[in-house]
Amino acid sequence: MIPVRGLEHNKGYCNSRQLHKTIVSDKGRAVFNGLINVAQHAIKTDGQMTNNNLLLGKLAEVDTKPQLEIYADDVKCSHGATVGRIDDEQMFYLRSRGIGEQDARQMILYAFAAELTEALGDDALKQQVLARIGLRLPGGIA
């Protein structure tokens, strides 16, 4: 577990976007405790926190707790979490196009994780991050 203190908005007219992704395989267990704290004087803050989790093992677990602590008026903050498994319809679609089961599974995992790079403006950095994602996925992607 990696302890994270949270994000603090101490000035007004600021915004933040957080996207946390977790893939849990086999009997693995993940815990997410996220926090956005908006100080009393941080008016017009716009903060979003999302935690998406993909379970691969039948015994895989995720405990997710995104939190907002808002002490100011006139703010726009949201948080959310999803926990799910590989969608059977996605698998069916890919398999019906001649893609093998293992390759289809890897494509879905890669697409799930690669969403993290959409906000990166630097293409070289984006490619480095995508390469690392590929190496970290179960089964890896060459």
Protein backbone atom coordinates (compact mmCIF):
# COMPACT_ATOMS: atom_id res chain seq x y z
CA MET A 1 0.00 0.00 0.00
CA ILE A 2 1.22 3.46 -0.90
CA PRO A 3 0.10 6.06 1.64
CA VAL A 4 -1.13 9.27 0.05
CA ARG A 5 -2.09 12.26 2.15
CA GLY A 6 -4.48 13.77 -0.36
CA LEU A 7 -4.85 16.90 -2.42
CA GLU A 8 -5.36 20.20 -0.65
CA HIS A 9 -6.87 23.26 -2.29
CA ASN A 10 -5.68 26.18 -0.17
CA LYS A 11 -6.32 28.96 -2.69
CA GLY A 12 -9.42 29.84 -4.64
CA TYR A 13 -10.04 29.67 -8.37
CA CYS A 14 -8.05 26.46 -8.83
CA ASN A 15 -8.95 23.13 -10.36
CA SER A 16 -7.71 19.57 -10.16
CA ARG A 17 -8.37 16.34 -11.99
CA GLN A 18 -7.37 12.98 -10.53
CA LEU A 19 -7.76 9.65 -12.30
CA HIS A 20 -6.56 6.59 -10.40
CA LYS A 21 -6.63 3.18 -12.10
CA THR A 22 -5.98 -0.22 -10.53
CA ILE A 23 -5.84 -3.69 -12.06
CA VAL A 24 -5.99 -6.49 -9.48
CA SER A 25 -5.25 -10.06 -10.51
CA ASP A 26 -5.47 -13.51 -8.91
CA LYS A 27 -6.03 -13.18 -5.15
CA GLY A 28 -4.70 -9.63 -5.02
CA ARG A 29 -6.16 -6.88 -2.89
CA ALA A 30 -5.95 -3.13 -3.45
CA VAL A 31 -6.96 -0.25 -1.21
CA PHE A 32 -7.62 3.30 -2.40
CA ASN A 33 -8.12 6.13 0.07
CA GLY A 34 -8.34 9.39 -1.84
CA LEU A 35 -8.98 12.84 -0.43
CA ILE A 36 -9.65 16.28 -1.84
CA ASN A 37 -9.62 18.93 0.88
CA VAL A 38 -10.96 22.40 0.06
CA ALA A 39 -10.02 25.08 2.60
CA GLN A 40 -12.58 27.62 3.81
CA HIS A 41 -11.16 30.45 1.71
CA ALA A 42 -10.69 28.37 -1.49
CA ILE A 43 -13.82 29.56 -3.28
CA LYS A 44 -14.51 28.64 -6.92
CA THR A 45 -12.46 25.45 -6.56
CA ASP A 46 -13.22 22.80 -9.18
CA GLY A 47 -11.96 19.35 -8.18
CA GLN A 48 -12.64 15.89 -9.57
CA MET A 49 -11.41 12.52 -8.31
CA THR A 50 -12.13 9.23 -10.05
CA ASN A 51 -10.96 5.74 -9.06
CA ASN A 52 -11.56 2.96 -11.62
CA ASN A 53 -10.69 -0.63 -10.74
CA LEU A 54 -10.57 -3.78 -12.83
CA LEU A 55 -10.67 -7.18 -11.12
CA LEU A 56 -9.07 -10.07 -13.01
CA GLY A 57 -9.09 -12.85 -10.42
CA LYS A 58 -12.15 -14.50 -8.94
CA LEU A 59 -10.77 -13.72 -5.48
CA ALA A 60 -9.37 -10.26 -6.34
CA GLU A 61 -10.64 -7.41 -4.13
CA VAL A 62 -10.62 -3.63 -4.09
CA ASP A 63 -11.61 -1.36 -1.23
CA THR A 64 -12.09 2.16 -2.53
CA LYS A 65 -12.88 5.28 -0.55
CA PRO A 66 -12.73 8.57 -2.46
CA GLN A 67 -13.48 11.46 -0.10
CA LEU A 68 -14.23 15.16 -0.25
CA GLU A 69 -13.72 17.51 2.68
CA ILE A 70 -15.16 20.86 1.66
CA TYR A 71 -15.02 23.84 4.01
CA ALA A 72 -15.83 26.53 1.43
CA ASP A 73 -18.98 27.67 -0.31
CA ASP A 74 -19.28 28.11 -4.07
CA VAL A 75 -17.17 25.13 -5.16
CA LYS A 76 -17.68 22.39 -7.72
CA CYS A 77 -16.19 19.07 -6.58
CA SER A 78 -17.02 15.48 -7.39
CA HIS A 79 -15.71 12.03 -6.68
CA GLY A 80 -16.54 8.54 -7.86
CA ALA A 81 -15.37 4.97 -8.04
CA THR A 82 -16.03 1.92 -10.19
CA VAL A 83 -15.13 -1.72 -9.63
CA GLY A 84 -15.71 -4.27 -12.35
CA ARG A 85 -14.46 -7.15 -14.43
CA ILE A 86 -13.67 -7.47 -18.13
CA ASP A 87 -16.92 -6.88 -20.00
CA ASP A 88 -18.24 -10.01 -21.77
CA GLU A 89 -19.63 -7.87 -24.60
CA GLN A 90 -16.22 -6.30 -25.24
CA MET A 91 -14.66 -9.75 -25.34
CA PHE A 92 -17.38 -11.03 -27.68
CA TYR A 93 -16.91 -8.07 -30.03
CA LEU A 94 -13.15 -8.58 -30.29
CA ARG A 95 -13.43 -12.38 -30.56
CA SER A 96 -16.06 -12.05 -33.32
CA ARG A 97 -13.46 -10.13 -35.34
CA GLY A 98 -11.01 -13.01 -35.21
CA ILE A 99 -8.93 -11.80 -32.27
CA GLY A 100 -7.82 -14.61 -29.96
CA GLU A 101 -9.02 -14.67 -26.36
CA GLN A 102 -5.63 -13.82 -24.83
CA ASP A 103 -4.97 -10.99 -27.31
CA ALA A 104 -8.48 -9.59 -26.78
CA ARG A 105 -7.95 -9.66 -23.02
CA GLN A 106 -4.62 -7.85 -23.35
CA MET A 107 -6.18 -5.20 -25.61
CA ILE A 108 -8.91 -4.51 -23.06
CA LEU A 109 -6.40 -4.28 -20.20
CA TYR A 110 -4.14 -1.98 -22.18
CA ALA A 111 -7.03 0.31 -23.18
CA PHE A 112 -8.19 0.47 -19.55
CA ALA A 113 -4.74 1.53 -18.32
CA ALA A 114 -3.83 3.72 -21.31
CA GLU A 115 -6.64 6.17 -20.51
CA LEU A 116 -4.23 7.62 -17.96
CA THR A 117 -2.13 9.08 -20.79
CA GLU A 118 -4.91 10.98 -22.59
CA ALA A 119 -4.15 14.27 -20.82
CA LEU A 120 -0.42 14.15 -21.60
CA GLY A 121 0.49 16.74 -24.22
CA ASP A 122 4.07 15.56 -24.75
CA ASP A 123 4.01 12.64 -27.24
CA ALA A 124 7.44 11.35 -26.20
CA LEU A 125 6.38 11.22 -22.55
CA LYS A 126 3.10 9.59 -23.54
CA GLN A 127 4.95 6.84 -25.43
CA GLN A 128 7.26 6.23 -22.45
CA VAL A 129 4.28 5.90 -20.10
CA LEU A 130 2.46 3.58 -22.53
CA ALA A 131 5.57 1.39 -22.79
CA ARG A 132 5.78 1.11 -19.00
CA ILE A 133 2.08 0.30 -18.79
CA GLY A 134 2.62 -2.50 -21.31
CA LEU A 135 5.43 -3.95 -19.22
CA ARG A 136 3.40 -3.87 -16.00
CA LEU A 137 0.26 -5.52 -17.33
CA PRO A 138 -0.34 -9.19 -16.50
CA GLY A 139 1.30 -11.05 -19.37
CA GLY A 140 3.02 -7.86 -20.56
CA ILE A 141 2.70 -6.29 -23.99
CA ALA A 142 5.71 -6.33 -26.26
